[in-house]
Amino acid sequence: MLTACLKSFLALDLPRGMTVRFIIVENSATPTLTPIIERFADALRQRATVELIHEPKLGIPVARNRALSAAADGGGPLAGLRR
């Protein structure tokens, strides 16, 4: 799902000056998303900032709270995806 999301984002025509920040919370005992982020790193670097957070304590509320804490300083719209 993350791969499809990043591909879709890269296909968008963003308005000039728009900044996008991805906060990706990996809610698992063992992190596995780093290779996916690295695969898209060059293309994303030109259009967005990406913050990958590993949250080993399992649970949707825990992951959401971690994402909200990370996003609190950024302001602006917030969207969530769940696999």
C-alpha atoms as a PDB file:
ATOM      1  CA  MET A   1       0.000   0.000   0.000  1.00  0.00           C
ATOM      2  CA  LEU A   2       2.830   2.428   0.789  1.00  0.00           C
ATOM      3  CA  THR A   3       4.390   1.828  -2.621  1.00  0.00           C
ATOM      4  CA  ALA A   4       1.090   2.585  -4.379  1.00  0.00           C
ATOM      5  CA  CYS A   5       0.590   5.716  -2.271  1.00  0.00           C
ATOM      6  CA  LEU A   6       4.057   7.071  -3.070  1.00  0.00           C
ATOM      7  CA  LYS A   7       3.683   6.295  -6.779  1.00  0.00           C
ATOM      8  CA  SER A   8       0.347   8.119  -6.842  1.00  0.00           C
ATOM      9  CA  PHE A   9       1.814  11.103  -5.031  1.00  0.00           C
ATOM     10  CA  LEU A  10       4.715  11.341  -7.478  1.00  0.00           C
ATOM     11  CA  ALA A  11       2.244  11.327 -10.391  1.00  0.00           C
ATOM     12  CA  LEU A  12       0.380  14.375  -9.015  1.00  0.00           C
ATOM     13  CA  ASP A  13       0.732  17.829 -10.509  1.00  0.00           C
ATOM     14  CA  LEU A  14       1.342  19.866  -7.369  1.00  0.00           C
ATOM     15  CA  PRO A  15       0.754  23.611  -7.299  1.00  0.00           C
ATOM     16  CA  ARG A  16       3.945  25.660  -7.360  1.00  0.00           C
ATOM     17  CA  GLY A  17       5.249  26.321  -3.863  1.00  0.00           C
ATOM     18  CA  MET A  18       3.214  23.565  -2.234  1.00  0.00           C
ATOM     19  CA  THR A  19       5.098  21.650   0.423  1.00  0.00           C
ATOM     20  CA  VAL A  20       4.174  18.120   1.461  1.00  0.00           C
ATOM     21  CA  ARG A  21       5.363  16.307   4.541  1.00  0.00           C
ATOM     22  CA  PHE A  22       4.901  12.562   4.926  1.00  0.00           C
ATOM     23  CA  ILE A  23       4.933  11.182   8.448  1.00  0.00           C
ATOM     24  CA  ILE A  24       4.996   7.419   8.163  1.00  0.00           C
ATOM     25  CA  VAL A  25       4.564   5.470  11.386  1.00  0.00           C
ATOM     26  CA  GLU A  26       5.560   1.839  11.107  1.00  0.00           C
ATOM     27  CA  ASN A  27       3.662   0.073  13.853  1.00  0.00           C
ATOM     28  CA  SER A  28       5.420  -3.272  14.106  1.00  0.00           C
ATOM     29  CA  ALA A  29       7.910  -5.128  16.233  1.00  0.00           C
ATOM     30  CA  THR A  30      10.426  -5.204  13.381  1.00  0.00           C
ATOM     31  CA  PRO A  31      10.789  -2.309  10.905  1.00  0.00           C
ATOM     32  CA  THR A  32      10.428  -3.230   7.222  1.00  0.00           C
ATOM     33  CA  LEU A  33       9.517   0.006   5.407  1.00  0.00           C
ATOM     34  CA  THR A  34      12.993   1.551   5.095  1.00  0.00           C
ATOM     35  CA  PRO A  35      13.757  -0.162   1.743  1.00  0.00           C
ATOM     36  CA  ILE A  36      10.511   1.182   0.261  1.00  0.00           C
ATOM     37  CA  ILE A  37      11.305   4.723   1.387  1.00  0.00           C
ATOM     38  CA  GLU A  38      14.867   4.408   0.065  1.00  0.00           C
ATOM     39  CA  ARG A  39      13.577   3.262  -3.336  1.00  0.00           C
ATOM     40  CA  PHE A  40      11.609   6.514  -3.691  1.00  0.00           C
ATOM     41  CA  ALA A  41      14.077   8.782  -1.867  1.00  0.00           C
ATOM     42  CA  ASP A  42      15.481  10.693  -4.843  1.00  0.00           C
ATOM     43  CA  ALA A  43      12.100  11.420  -6.421  1.00  0.00           C
ATOM     44  CA  LEU A  44      10.510  12.315  -3.087  1.00  0.00           C
ATOM     45  CA  ARG A  45      13.356  14.592  -2.025  1.00  0.00           C
ATOM     46  CA  GLN A  46      12.440  16.996  -4.814  1.00  0.00           C
ATOM     47  CA  ARG A  47       8.769  17.240  -3.789  1.00  0.00           C
ATOM     48  CA  ALA A  48       8.337  16.328  -0.128  1.00  0.00           C
ATOM     49  CA  THR A  49       9.939  15.619   3.187  1.00  0.00           C
ATOM     50  CA  VAL A  50       9.577  12.133   4.629  1.00  0.00           C
ATOM     51  CA  GLU A  51       9.782  11.199   8.278  1.00  0.00           C
ATOM     52  CA  LEU A  52       9.740   7.468   9.017  1.00  0.00           C
ATOM     53  CA  ILE A  53       8.962   6.648  12.638  1.00  0.00           C
ATOM     54  CA  HIS A  54       9.181   3.160  14.090  1.00  0.00           C
ATOM     55  CA  GLU A  55       6.604   2.544  16.833  1.00  0.00           C
ATOM     56  CA  PRO A  56       7.194  -0.932  18.294  1.00  0.00           C
ATOM     57  CA  LYS A  57       4.282  -0.726  20.759  1.00  0.00           C
ATOM     58  CA  LEU A  58       1.492  -2.305  18.734  1.00  0.00           C
ATOM     59  CA  GLY A  59      -1.956  -0.836  18.311  1.00  0.00           C
ATOM     60  CA  ILE A  60      -3.773   1.565  16.020  1.00  0.00           C
ATOM     61  CA  PRO A  61      -4.329   4.179  18.772  1.00  0.00           C
ATOM     62  CA  VAL A  62      -0.627   4.105  19.659  1.00  0.00           C
ATOM     63  CA  ALA A  63       0.413   4.575  16.030  1.00  0.00           C
ATOM     64  CA  ARG A  64      -2.108   7.375  15.459  1.00  0.00           C
ATOM     65  CA  ASN A  65      -1.025   9.199  18.596  1.00  0.00           C
ATOM     66  CA  ARG A  66       2.604   8.933  17.523  1.00  0.00           C
ATOM     67  CA  ALA A  67       1.740  10.384  14.107  1.00  0.00           C
ATOM     68  CA  LEU A  68      -0.304  13.202  15.634  1.00  0.00           C
ATOM     69  CA  SER A  69       2.531  14.068  18.014  1.00  0.00           C
ATOM     70  CA  ALA A  70       4.963  14.241  15.108  1.00  0.00           C
ATOM     71  CA  ALA A  71       2.542  16.333  13.044  1.00  0.00           C
ATOM     72  CA  ALA A  72       1.610  18.758  15.817  1.00  0.00           C
ATOM     73  CA  ASP A  73       4.364  21.226  14.990  1.00  0.00           C
ATOM     74  CA  GLY A  74       3.563  21.386  11.279  1.00  0.00           C
ATOM     75  CA  GLY A  75       0.021  22.718  11.138  1.00  0.00           C
ATOM     76  CA  GLY A  76      -1.964  22.448   7.932  1.00  0.00           C
ATOM     77  CA  PRO A  77      -4.166  19.622   6.672  1.00  0.00           C
ATOM     78  CA  LEU A  78      -3.599  16.082   7.898  1.00  0.00           C
ATOM     79  CA  ALA A  79      -4.629  12.820   6.226  1.00  0.00           C
ATOM     80  CA  GLY A  80      -4.246   9.285   7.484  1.00  0.00           C
ATOM     81  CA  LEU A  81      -3.898   5.941   5.727  1.00  0.00           C
ATOM     82  CA  ARG A  82      -4.186   2.547   7.320  1.00  0.00           C
ATOM     83  CA  ARG A  83      -3.254  -0.801   5.891  1.00  0.00           C
END
